Amino acid sequence: MTARRLAWFLAPTILAAMVLLNPLSRPSYLEGDFRAFYCASAAVAQHANPYLEEPLRSCEQHAGPPAPPRSLLRVALPAPLPPYALAFFVPFALLPFPLAAAAWLAVLIAAMVAATSLWARVTGTSSALLNVVFAAITATVTWYVGQPTPLVFVALAGAALLLRNGRWTAASACAAAAAIEPHLALPALAAMFVLAPRTRLPLVGFGLALGAISVAAVGVPTTVQYVREVIPAHALANAYEWQYSLTSVLTSFGVAAPLAVRLGEAMFAGMVAIGIVVAHRLARVCGDRAPIVLIPPAFAVFGGVHVHFQQLAIAFPAILYVCARFPQVRSLAASGLAVAMIPWNVLCSTVLAGFAPLLVGAFGAAAIGRRAGLVLAALSAVFSLSLLGFALAGLGPADVTFVPHAFPADSLAERSWGEFSRAVLARPSLLTQWLRMVTLTGLACGLVAVVRAAFMTPLARRARNASLRVVPVVA
C-alpha cells in the first residue's frame, strides 16, 4: 500500500526537479508549448487567424513570465491544433499567461490522475505500475512543456472502458474528445467505426459537431485553410525535426522532405490497418472490446509523419494489456516497455539521469521479477553512460548559430518555425540516432508481443488471466 501511494508522487517529483534545474528567474521552456496554444486561442477570441505569423509571434514574445528561450525570441511557434481544439483553450486566453499556465498545469495533472485510474481498470494492471511507466514522460514532455496529451489519454481510456460495457454513444463521445490531437485519435476512431457498428452514427454526429465548432470559432475560410494549407505546411516544417517518425528518420539520412512525408503518411495508413486487424483478433481472443480502442493507436505511432515522445506513450497501455493477460509474452512486452518508457533525450541530458535506472528497475521488478528488474536497471545505467560517452567523444549534435529571418505577418507560422526546426532541431548525429534506435527497438518489441498475444494457439489462449472479465465482442 505504501509503494502504491508513493508511486503517485514519482511524476511530481521529477517535475519539481526540472523546475529547480530551470528556475523561473531565467528563460526556460516551462509551459513553452502551452504558450503557443494560449496565443493562438487569444487570436481566436479576438477574431484573428490563429495560424499566421502575427499575432502569434508578438504574443509569444510578450506573454511571459517565464520568458521563452532566447533562440525562440524571433520565431513564431505554431499551434497546429484544429480550430475546435483551439476553441477549448479560449477560456485560458482570457487570463494573464502565468495564471493561465498554472491553471493549465492543474488540468493536465488532474487529467493524468484520471487517465491512470482508468487505464488501471482497462488494462488490469495496478495504478502503481502505471505511475512508474508514465512518470518520466508525464513530468518531462507533457506537464513541463504543457502538451495536451493527458487529455487524449483520459479520453481514450474512457472510450475503451465504455466500449467494453457497450455504452456506444458515450464511448464515441470520449473518442471524439481525444481528437484534440487528431493523429492519435484517428486510429481509434477508425477501428471503432469498422469493428463496432453501433458507434458509427454517433461518431458521424460528433464529427459534424467538431466541424461546426471549428466554423463557429474561426469561420469557414480559416477552417478550410487549416485542412488545405496548415496541415501540409506543418508536416514539411517538422520533417527535419528530431522525432520518432519515419519522416524524421528518412530526412536525417538525406531523403527529401516531400518524399519523406509521403512515405510517412503511407506507413501511418499501413500501421493503422495492421492495428485494426490485430485489435479485432485480440478482442475476439479476450472476449473484450477494449482492444478496439487500445491497439490501433499503439501501432499508428510506430513510424508515421509526426511523432514526439509523449505521443509514443499512447502505446504503453496496449503493451501492458497483453503483459497482464498473456504470461507467454510478458517478458518480451515488459522488457520492450522498460526501454521505451524513458525519454532518454530529456532525462539523460541532466542530473535527472539517475531517475532512469530507478524507474526501469522498479517497473521490471514489478512486472517480471526482482532479478529481471536488476538486469534492466543495470542496462539502463549502461545506456545512460553510453550517451555520456558519445557526448564526450564529440559524436553529439553540432553547435549552430541561428539567425532568424523576418517573415510577413500574413504568412503561416510554419515558415518561421520550419526555418528554426531545420537549423536548430534537426542536427543529425550518431548520438541522436542511437537515442532514437533504442526507443524504437523497445516499442517494436512491445508491439511484437501484442501481435503474438493476438495470434497465439488456442491452447495458449486459454492460459490467459482467468480473472479477466468476459464481455461479448459482437456489437
Protein backbone atom coordinates (compact mmCIF):
# COMPACT_ATOMS: atom_id res chain seq x y z
CA MET A 1 0.00 0.00 0.00
CA THR A 2 2.85 2.41 0.82
CA ALA A 3 4.54 1.69 -2.51
CA ARG A 4 1.29 2.36 -4.35
CA ARG A 5 0.88 5.72 -2.63
CA LEU A 6 4.48 6.70 -3.23
CA ALA A 7 4.15 5.87 -6.94
CA TRP A 8 1.70 8.76 -7.35
CA PHE A 9 4.49 11.17 -6.33
CA LEU A 10 7.04 9.99 -8.93
CA ALA A 11 5.97 12.34 -11.73
CA PRO A 12 5.50 15.39 -9.43
CA THR A 13 8.98 14.79 -8.01
CA ILE A 14 10.57 14.71 -11.46
CA LEU A 15 8.62 17.84 -12.46
CA ALA A 16 9.79 19.67 -9.33
CA ALA A 17 13.39 18.66 -10.06
CA MET A 18 13.12 20.02 -13.61
CA VAL A 19 11.70 23.33 -12.37
CA LEU A 20 14.53 23.62 -9.83
CA LEU A 21 17.07 22.95 -12.58
CA ASN A 22 15.44 25.61 -14.78
CA PRO A 23 14.36 28.40 -12.38
CA LEU A 24 11.68 30.86 -13.45
CA SER A 25 14.09 33.77 -13.00
CA ARG A 26 15.74 32.95 -16.33
CA PRO A 27 14.41 31.97 -19.77
CA SER A 28 13.10 28.41 -19.89
CA TYR A 29 10.72 26.24 -21.89
CA LEU A 30 8.38 25.70 -18.94
CA GLU A 31 4.87 25.60 -20.48
CA GLY A 32 6.53 26.50 -23.79
CA ASP A 33 4.11 24.53 -25.97
CA PHE A 34 1.16 25.85 -23.99
CA ARG A 35 2.39 29.37 -24.81
CA ALA A 36 1.62 28.68 -28.48
CA PHE A 37 -1.85 27.29 -27.71
CA TYR A 38 -2.52 30.25 -25.39
CA CYS A 39 -1.60 32.81 -28.04
CA ALA A 40 -3.48 31.01 -30.83
CA SER A 41 -6.62 30.82 -28.70
CA ALA A 42 -6.20 34.52 -27.85
CA ALA A 43 -6.22 35.17 -31.60
CA VAL A 44 -9.43 33.13 -31.87
CA ALA A 45 -11.00 35.20 -29.09
CA GLN A 46 -10.01 38.37 -30.98
CA HIS A 47 -11.42 37.01 -34.27
CA ALA A 48 -7.92 36.86 -35.79
CA ASN A 49 -6.33 34.00 -37.72
CA PRO A 50 -4.56 31.73 -35.18
CA TYR A 51 -2.26 30.12 -37.75
CA LEU A 52 -0.40 33.19 -39.03
CA GLU A 53 2.97 34.68 -38.10
CA GLU A 54 1.17 37.59 -36.47
CA PRO A 55 -0.29 37.90 -33.95
CA LEU A 56 1.32 34.62 -32.80
CA ARG A 57 4.95 35.79 -32.68
CA SER A 58 4.29 39.03 -30.82
CA CYS A 59 2.02 37.35 -28.30
CA GLU A 60 4.53 34.56 -27.60
CA GLN A 61 7.36 37.05 -27.04
CA HIS A 62 5.43 39.15 -24.54
CA ALA A 63 3.12 36.65 -22.84
CA GLY A 64 5.59 35.56 -20.08
CA PRO A 65 6.85 35.08 -17.47
CA PRO A 66 8.63 32.74 -17.70
CA ALA A 67 10.45 34.19 -20.66
CA PRO A 68 10.91 31.87 -23.66
CA PRO A 69 14.43 30.71 -24.59
CA ARG A 70 16.45 33.35 -26.42
CA SER A 71 16.68 31.16 -29.53
CA LEU A 72 12.89 31.46 -29.93
CA LEU A 73 12.56 35.21 -29.44
CA ARG A 74 12.03 35.93 -33.14
CA VAL A 75 10.37 32.63 -34.04
CA ALA A 76 6.63 32.06 -34.26
CA LEU A 77 5.91 28.76 -32.53
CA PRO A 78 2.88 27.40 -34.42
CA ALA A 79 -0.23 25.93 -32.81
CA PRO A 80 -1.19 23.27 -35.37
CA LEU A 81 -4.25 22.02 -33.50
CA PRO A 82 -7.62 22.05 -35.30
CA PRO A 83 -9.87 25.08 -34.75
CA TYR A 84 -12.22 23.13 -32.46
CA ALA A 85 -9.24 22.27 -30.23
CA LEU A 86 -8.08 25.89 -30.10
CA ALA A 87 -11.61 26.88 -29.07
CA PHE A 88 -11.11 24.71 -25.98
CA PHE A 89 -8.18 26.93 -24.93
CA VAL A 90 -10.07 30.23 -25.25
CA PRO A 91 -11.04 30.41 -21.52
CA PHE A 92 -7.34 30.16 -20.64
CA ALA A 93 -6.53 33.00 -23.04
CA LEU A 94 -8.76 35.32 -21.00
CA LEU A 95 -6.30 35.04 -18.09
CA PRO A 96 -2.79 36.51 -17.75
CA PHE A 97 -0.29 33.96 -19.06
CA PRO A 98 1.29 32.96 -15.70
CA LEU A 99 -2.15 32.32 -14.19
CA ALA A 100 -3.33 30.53 -17.33
CA ALA A 101 -0.21 28.33 -17.35
CA ALA A 102 -0.78 27.37 -13.71
CA ALA A 103 -4.44 26.55 -14.40
CA TRP A 104 -3.46 24.50 -17.46
CA LEU A 105 -0.89 22.56 -15.44
CA ALA A 106 -3.59 21.78 -12.88
CA VAL A 107 -5.84 20.49 -15.68
CA LEU A 108 -3.04 18.28 -17.03
CA ILE A 109 -2.30 16.86 -13.58
CA ALA A 110 -5.97 16.08 -12.99
CA ALA A 111 -6.29 14.51 -16.44
CA MET A 112 -3.25 12.28 -15.89
CA VAL A 113 -4.51 11.15 -12.48
CA ALA A 114 -7.88 10.25 -14.02
CA ALA A 115 -6.23 8.55 -17.01
CA THR A 116 -4.01 6.42 -14.76
CA SER A 117 -7.00 5.28 -12.73
CA LEU A 118 -8.99 4.43 -15.87
CA TRP A 119 -6.07 2.68 -17.58
CA ALA A 120 -5.66 0.51 -14.48
CA ARG A 121 -9.22 -0.72 -14.92
CA VAL A 122 -8.87 -1.17 -18.67
CA THR A 123 -5.53 -2.97 -18.69
CA GLY A 124 -5.88 -5.00 -15.50
CA THR A 125 -2.61 -3.64 -14.07
CA SER A 126 -2.13 -1.69 -10.87
CA SER A 127 -2.13 2.09 -10.74
CA ALA A 128 1.30 1.89 -9.07
CA LEU A 129 2.76 0.13 -12.11
CA LEU A 130 1.12 2.63 -14.46
CA ASN A 131 2.53 5.53 -12.46
CA VAL A 132 6.03 4.09 -12.81
CA VAL A 133 5.58 3.62 -16.56
CA PHE A 134 4.20 7.12 -17.16
CA ALA A 135 6.24 9.08 -14.60
CA ALA A 136 9.12 10.20 -16.82
CA ILE A 137 7.03 11.02 -19.87
CA THR A 138 4.34 12.77 -17.83
CA ALA A 139 6.71 15.08 -15.98
CA THR A 140 9.17 15.95 -18.73
CA VAL A 141 7.49 16.25 -22.12
CA THR A 142 3.86 16.63 -21.04
CA TRP A 143 3.46 18.60 -17.82
CA TYR A 144 6.66 20.62 -18.17
CA VAL A 145 6.03 21.83 -21.74
CA GLY A 146 2.22 21.90 -21.49
CA GLN A 147 1.28 19.34 -24.12
CA PRO A 148 -2.41 18.27 -24.12
CA THR A 149 -1.55 14.55 -24.38
CA PRO A 150 -3.02 13.70 -20.91
CA LEU A 151 -6.41 14.81 -22.22
CA VAL A 152 -6.03 12.30 -25.07
CA PHE A 153 -5.04 9.60 -22.57
CA VAL A 154 -8.07 10.12 -20.34
CA ALA A 155 -10.44 10.36 -23.32
CA LEU A 156 -9.19 7.13 -24.93
CA ALA A 157 -9.13 5.32 -21.59
CA GLY A 158 -12.74 6.36 -21.04
CA ALA A 159 -13.67 5.27 -24.56
CA ALA A 160 -12.09 1.83 -24.03
CA LEU A 161 -13.90 1.31 -20.72
CA LEU A 162 -17.24 2.49 -22.08
CA LEU A 163 -16.91 0.40 -25.25
CA ARG A 164 -16.18 -2.65 -23.08
CA ASN A 165 -19.51 -2.04 -21.33
CA GLY A 166 -21.48 -1.49 -24.53
CA ARG A 167 -22.12 2.22 -23.98
CA TRP A 168 -21.80 3.16 -27.63
CA THR A 169 -22.69 6.86 -27.62
CA ALA A 170 -20.60 7.70 -24.54
CA ALA A 171 -17.64 5.76 -25.95
CA SER A 172 -17.97 7.67 -29.23
CA ALA A 173 -18.07 10.99 -27.36
CA CYS A 174 -14.85 10.15 -25.50
CA ALA A 175 -13.10 9.05 -28.69
CA ALA A 176 -14.18 12.26 -30.41
CA ALA A 177 -12.85 14.29 -27.46
CA ALA A 178 -9.47 12.60 -27.97
CA ALA A 179 -9.34 14.29 -31.39
CA ILE A 180 -7.78 17.32 -29.69
CA GLU A 181 -4.72 15.55 -31.17
CA PRO A 182 -6.22 14.13 -34.37
CA HIS A 183 -3.44 11.76 -35.40
CA LEU A 184 -3.67 9.97 -32.03
CA ALA A 185 -7.46 9.69 -32.04
CA LEU A 186 -7.92 8.81 -35.72
CA PRO A 187 -6.73 5.16 -35.42
CA ALA A 188 -9.13 4.51 -32.52
CA LEU A 189 -11.98 6.28 -34.33
CA ALA A 190 -11.35 4.24 -37.48
CA ALA A 191 -11.24 0.98 -35.52
CA MET A 192 -14.48 1.78 -33.71
CA PHE A 193 -16.17 2.68 -36.99
CA VAL A 194 -15.08 -0.61 -38.59
CA LEU A 195 -15.36 -3.04 -35.67
CA ALA A 196 -18.19 -1.58 -33.57
CA PRO A 197 -21.08 -0.80 -35.95
CA ARG A 198 -23.26 0.74 -33.23
CA THR A 199 -20.75 3.58 -32.84
CA ARG A 200 -20.92 4.65 -36.49
CA LEU A 201 -23.88 7.01 -36.26
CA PRO A 202 -22.66 8.66 -33.01
CA LEU A 203 -19.16 9.05 -34.47
CA VAL A 204 -20.52 10.79 -37.55
CA GLY A 205 -22.63 13.05 -35.35
CA PHE A 206 -19.75 14.03 -33.11
CA GLY A 207 -17.55 14.60 -36.16
CA LEU A 208 -20.10 17.04 -37.57
CA ALA A 209 -20.27 18.75 -34.18
CA LEU A 210 -16.49 19.28 -34.14
CA GLY A 211 -16.71 20.73 -37.65
CA ALA A 212 -19.45 23.11 -36.53
CA ILE A 213 -17.37 24.23 -33.54
CA SER A 214 -14.45 24.92 -35.89
CA VAL A 215 -16.56 27.07 -38.19
CA ALA A 216 -18.08 28.93 -35.25
CA ALA A 217 -14.62 29.59 -33.80
CA VAL A 218 -12.67 30.79 -36.85
CA GLY A 219 -15.07 30.81 -39.80
CA VAL A 220 -15.22 28.72 -42.96
CA PRO A 221 -12.18 30.21 -44.79
CA THR A 222 -9.79 29.61 -41.88
CA THR A 223 -11.20 26.12 -41.28
CA VAL A 224 -10.59 25.26 -44.93
CA GLN A 225 -7.14 26.86 -44.74
CA TYR A 226 -6.28 24.62 -41.79
CA VAL A 227 -7.04 21.48 -43.78
CA ARG A 228 -5.59 22.59 -47.11
CA GLU A 229 -2.56 24.61 -46.02
CA VAL A 230 -1.69 24.36 -42.32
CA ILE A 231 -1.53 20.56 -42.03
CA PRO A 232 0.75 20.07 -45.09
CA ALA A 233 2.90 23.08 -44.11
CA HIS A 234 3.33 21.73 -40.58
CA ALA A 235 4.34 18.31 -41.87
CA LEU A 236 7.04 19.87 -44.05
CA ALA A 237 8.17 22.29 -41.33
CA ASN A 238 8.74 19.40 -38.90
CA ALA A 239 10.15 16.94 -41.41
CA TYR A 240 13.72 17.72 -40.34
CA GLU A 241 12.99 18.00 -36.63
CA TRP A 242 14.41 15.21 -34.46
CA GLN A 243 11.46 12.94 -33.70
CA TYR A 244 10.50 9.26 -33.73
CA SER A 245 8.59 9.38 -37.02
CA LEU A 246 9.61 7.63 -40.23
CA THR A 247 9.67 11.03 -41.90
CA SER A 248 12.24 12.36 -39.43
CA VAL A 249 14.37 9.23 -39.73
CA LEU A 250 14.40 9.48 -43.52
CA THR A 251 15.28 13.18 -43.67
CA SER A 252 18.13 12.59 -41.19
CA PHE A 253 19.61 10.25 -43.80
CA GLY A 254 19.21 12.76 -46.61
CA VAL A 255 15.81 11.91 -48.11
CA ALA A 256 13.98 14.97 -49.48
CA ALA A 257 11.27 16.24 -47.14
CA PRO A 258 8.28 15.91 -49.55
CA LEU A 259 9.11 12.27 -50.28
CA ALA A 260 9.77 11.55 -46.59
CA VAL A 261 6.36 12.99 -45.69
CA ARG A 262 4.61 10.87 -48.31
CA LEU A 263 6.34 7.71 -47.10
CA GLY A 264 5.47 8.61 -43.52
CA GLU A 265 1.82 9.03 -44.49
CA ALA A 266 1.84 5.65 -46.23
CA MET A 267 3.37 3.98 -43.19
CA PHE A 268 0.82 5.64 -40.90
CA ALA A 269 -2.04 4.29 -43.01
CA GLY A 270 -0.48 0.83 -43.15
CA MET A 271 0.17 0.68 -39.40
CA VAL A 272 -3.40 1.81 -38.64
CA ALA A 273 -4.70 -1.01 -40.87
CA ILE A 274 -2.45 -3.54 -39.11
CA GLY A 275 -3.57 -2.19 -35.74
CA ILE A 276 -7.23 -2.66 -36.63
CA VAL A 277 -6.62 -6.27 -37.72
CA VAL A 278 -4.69 -7.04 -34.51
CA ALA A 279 -7.32 -5.27 -32.39
CA HIS A 280 -10.10 -7.33 -33.95
CA ARG A 281 -8.22 -10.56 -33.29
CA LEU A 282 -7.28 -9.64 -29.72
CA ALA A 283 -10.84 -8.54 -28.95
CA ARG A 284 -12.10 -11.94 -30.05
CA VAL A 285 -9.38 -13.78 -28.13
CA CYS A 286 -10.03 -11.90 -24.89
CA GLY A 287 -13.80 -11.52 -25.23
CA ASP A 288 -13.30 -7.79 -24.61
CA ARG A 289 -13.99 -4.74 -26.78
CA ALA A 290 -11.37 -2.53 -25.09
CA PRO A 291 -8.58 -3.56 -27.55
CA ILE A 292 -10.56 -1.87 -30.34
CA VAL A 293 -9.57 1.46 -28.77
CA LEU A 294 -6.26 0.37 -27.21
CA ILE A 295 -4.42 -1.31 -30.05
CA PRO A 296 -4.65 0.80 -33.27
CA PRO A 297 -3.11 3.99 -31.76
CA ALA A 298 -0.22 1.88 -30.43
CA PHE A 299 0.63 0.72 -33.94
CA ALA A 300 -0.03 4.12 -35.54
CA VAL A 301 2.70 5.89 -33.54
CA PHE A 302 5.36 3.49 -34.82
CA GLY A 303 6.65 5.48 -37.79
CA GLY A 304 4.32 7.93 -39.48
CA VAL A 305 4.89 11.62 -40.15
CA HIS A 306 4.97 13.47 -36.83
CA VAL A 307 5.60 11.55 -33.61
CA HIS A 308 7.05 13.02 -30.43
CA PHE A 309 7.89 11.02 -27.33
CA GLN A 310 4.74 11.98 -25.45
CA GLN A 311 2.72 10.53 -28.33
CA LEU A 312 4.66 7.24 -28.25
CA ALA A 313 3.29 6.75 -24.73
CA ILE A 314 -0.18 6.04 -26.15
CA ALA A 315 1.22 2.58 -26.95
CA PHE A 316 2.11 1.78 -23.34
CA PRO A 317 -1.39 0.75 -22.14
CA ALA A 318 -1.74 -1.63 -25.10
CA ILE A 319 1.53 -3.33 -24.17
CA LEU A 320 0.51 -3.52 -20.51
CA TYR A 321 -2.82 -5.05 -21.54
CA VAL A 322 -1.15 -8.11 -23.07
CA CYS A 323 1.52 -8.13 -20.38
CA ALA A 324 -1.18 -8.64 -17.73
CA ARG A 325 -3.13 -11.30 -19.63
CA PHE A 326 -0.59 -13.39 -21.53
CA PRO A 327 2.27 -14.81 -19.43
CA GLN A 328 3.84 -16.25 -22.59
CA VAL A 329 4.72 -12.78 -23.90
CA ARG A 330 5.15 -10.98 -20.59
CA SER A 331 8.96 -10.92 -20.63
CA LEU A 332 9.13 -9.56 -24.18
CA ALA A 333 6.41 -6.98 -23.58
CA ALA A 334 7.81 -5.76 -20.25
CA SER A 335 11.41 -5.63 -21.48
CA GLY A 336 10.41 -3.61 -24.54
CA LEU A 337 8.32 -1.24 -22.45
CA ALA A 338 11.13 -0.80 -19.92
CA VAL A 339 13.34 0.53 -22.72
CA ALA A 340 10.66 2.61 -24.44
CA MET A 341 9.23 4.33 -21.35
CA ILE A 342 12.21 6.63 -20.70
CA PRO A 343 12.57 9.93 -22.64
CA TRP A 344 16.33 9.44 -22.83
CA ASN A 345 16.99 12.69 -24.69
CA VAL A 346 15.50 14.64 -21.74
CA LEU A 347 16.44 12.68 -18.63
CA CYS A 348 19.95 11.77 -19.70
CA SER A 349 20.88 15.35 -20.58
CA THR A 350 20.74 16.47 -16.94
CA VAL A 351 21.27 15.19 -13.42
CA LEU A 352 17.84 13.59 -13.83
CA ALA A 353 19.66 10.68 -15.49
CA GLY A 354 19.62 8.99 -12.10
CA PHE A 355 15.85 8.59 -12.35
CA ALA A 356 16.05 6.34 -15.41
CA PRO A 357 17.61 3.20 -13.83
CA LEU A 358 15.35 3.60 -10.78
CA LEU A 359 12.18 3.75 -12.86
CA VAL A 360 13.25 0.97 -15.22
CA GLY A 361 14.33 -1.27 -12.34
CA ALA A 362 11.13 -0.67 -10.38
CA PHE A 363 8.98 -1.45 -13.39
CA GLY A 364 10.97 -4.56 -14.32
CA ALA A 365 10.82 -5.89 -10.76
CA ALA A 366 7.05 -5.35 -10.53
CA ALA A 367 6.28 -6.73 -14.00
CA ILE A 368 8.60 -9.73 -14.40
CA GLY A 369 10.51 -10.22 -11.16
CA ARG A 370 13.22 -8.74 -8.97
CA ARG A 371 16.12 -10.33 -10.85
CA ALA A 372 14.84 -9.03 -14.19
CA GLY A 373 14.40 -5.61 -12.59
CA LEU A 374 18.04 -5.54 -11.54
CA VAL A 375 19.19 -6.57 -15.02
CA LEU A 376 17.03 -3.93 -16.71
CA ALA A 377 18.18 -1.25 -14.26
CA ALA A 378 21.82 -2.13 -14.98
CA LEU A 379 21.23 -1.98 -18.73
CA SER A 380 19.53 1.38 -18.30
CA ALA A 381 22.54 2.71 -16.37
CA VAL A 382 24.91 1.42 -19.06
CA PHE A 383 22.85 3.13 -21.73
CA SER A 384 22.90 6.39 -19.80
CA LEU A 385 26.69 6.16 -19.59
CA SER A 386 26.88 5.39 -23.31
CA LEU A 387 25.18 8.72 -24.02
CA LEU A 388 27.79 10.47 -21.92
CA GLY A 389 30.49 8.64 -23.85
CA PHE A 390 29.04 9.72 -27.19
CA ALA A 391 28.88 13.31 -26.00
CA LEU A 392 32.46 13.33 -24.67
CA ALA A 393 33.67 11.80 -27.93
CA GLY A 394 32.15 14.69 -29.87
CA LEU A 395 29.50 12.49 -31.53
CA GLY A 396 26.58 14.60 -30.37
CA PRO A 397 24.74 17.32 -32.35
CA ALA A 398 26.96 20.06 -33.71
CA ASP A 399 26.60 23.56 -32.27
CA VAL A 400 24.84 26.01 -34.57
CA THR A 401 24.35 29.75 -34.67
CA PHE A 402 20.79 30.52 -35.69
CA VAL A 403 19.95 33.88 -37.24
CA PRO A 404 16.19 34.09 -37.89
CA HIS A 405 14.72 35.87 -40.87
CA ALA A 406 11.73 38.17 -40.80
CA PHE A 407 8.61 36.72 -42.40
CA PRO A 408 5.49 38.61 -43.50
CA ALA A 409 2.81 38.94 -40.84
CA ASP A 410 0.26 37.14 -43.04
CA SER A 411 2.44 34.08 -43.72
CA LEU A 412 1.84 30.79 -41.94
CA ALA A 413 3.74 30.45 -38.68
CA GLU A 414 5.16 27.20 -40.08
CA ARG A 415 7.53 29.21 -42.30
CA SER A 416 9.28 30.74 -39.32
CA TRP A 417 9.13 27.51 -37.33
CA GLY A 418 10.37 25.42 -40.25
CA GLU A 419 13.47 27.57 -40.60
CA PHE A 420 14.21 27.18 -36.89
CA SER A 421 13.49 23.44 -36.96
CA ARG A 422 15.85 22.75 -39.87
CA ALA A 423 18.64 24.85 -38.38
CA VAL A 424 18.42 24.01 -34.67
CA LEU A 425 16.29 20.92 -34.00
CA ALA A 426 17.45 18.55 -36.75
CA ARG A 427 21.24 18.27 -36.42
CA PRO A 428 21.54 14.51 -37.04
CA SER A 429 24.37 12.82 -35.21
CA LEU A 430 25.40 9.37 -34.05
CA LEU A 431 24.19 10.22 -30.55
CA THR A 432 20.71 11.27 -31.65
CA GLN A 433 20.36 8.24 -33.94
CA TRP A 434 21.36 5.98 -31.04
CA LEU A 435 18.74 7.59 -28.81
CA ARG A 436 16.06 7.04 -31.39
CA MET A 437 17.10 3.48 -32.25
CA VAL A 438 16.91 2.26 -28.66
CA THR A 439 13.46 3.73 -28.04
CA LEU A 440 12.04 2.41 -31.31
CA THR A 441 13.53 -1.03 -30.66
CA GLY A 442 11.80 -1.16 -27.29
CA LEU A 443 8.50 -0.08 -28.82
CA ALA A 444 8.88 -2.68 -31.59
CA CYS A 445 9.38 -5.43 -29.00
CA GLY A 446 6.20 -4.35 -27.25
CA LEU A 447 4.20 -4.38 -30.49
CA VAL A 448 5.57 -7.81 -31.44
CA ALA A 449 4.36 -9.06 -28.06
CA VAL A 450 0.89 -7.66 -28.82
CA VAL A 451 0.81 -9.44 -32.19
CA ARG A 452 1.98 -12.71 -30.64
CA ALA A 453 -0.69 -12.47 -27.96
CA ALA A 454 -3.38 -11.87 -30.58
CA PHE A 455 -2.36 -14.80 -32.79
CA MET A 456 -1.40 -17.43 -30.21
CA THR A 457 -2.54 -21.05 -30.48
CA PRO A 458 -5.90 -21.96 -28.92
CA LEU A 459 -4.18 -23.82 -26.07
CA ALA A 460 -2.09 -20.77 -25.19
CA ARG A 461 -5.12 -18.51 -25.36
CA ARG A 462 -6.79 -20.49 -22.59
CA ALA A 463 -3.79 -19.74 -20.38
CA ARG A 464 -4.66 -16.05 -20.20
CA ASN A 465 -5.60 -14.41 -16.91
CA ALA A 466 -8.58 -16.31 -15.54
CA SER A 467 -9.85 -13.24 -13.70
CA LEU A 468 -10.43 -11.31 -16.96
CA ARG A 469 -13.99 -10.13 -17.26
CA VAL A 470 -15.51 -11.59 -20.44
CA VAL A 471 -17.66 -9.23 -22.47
CA PRO A 472 -19.31 -10.19 -25.78
CA VAL A 473 -17.41 -8.65 -28.68
CA VAL A 474 -20.22 -8.60 -31.21
CA ALA A 475 -21.55 -5.06 -31.43
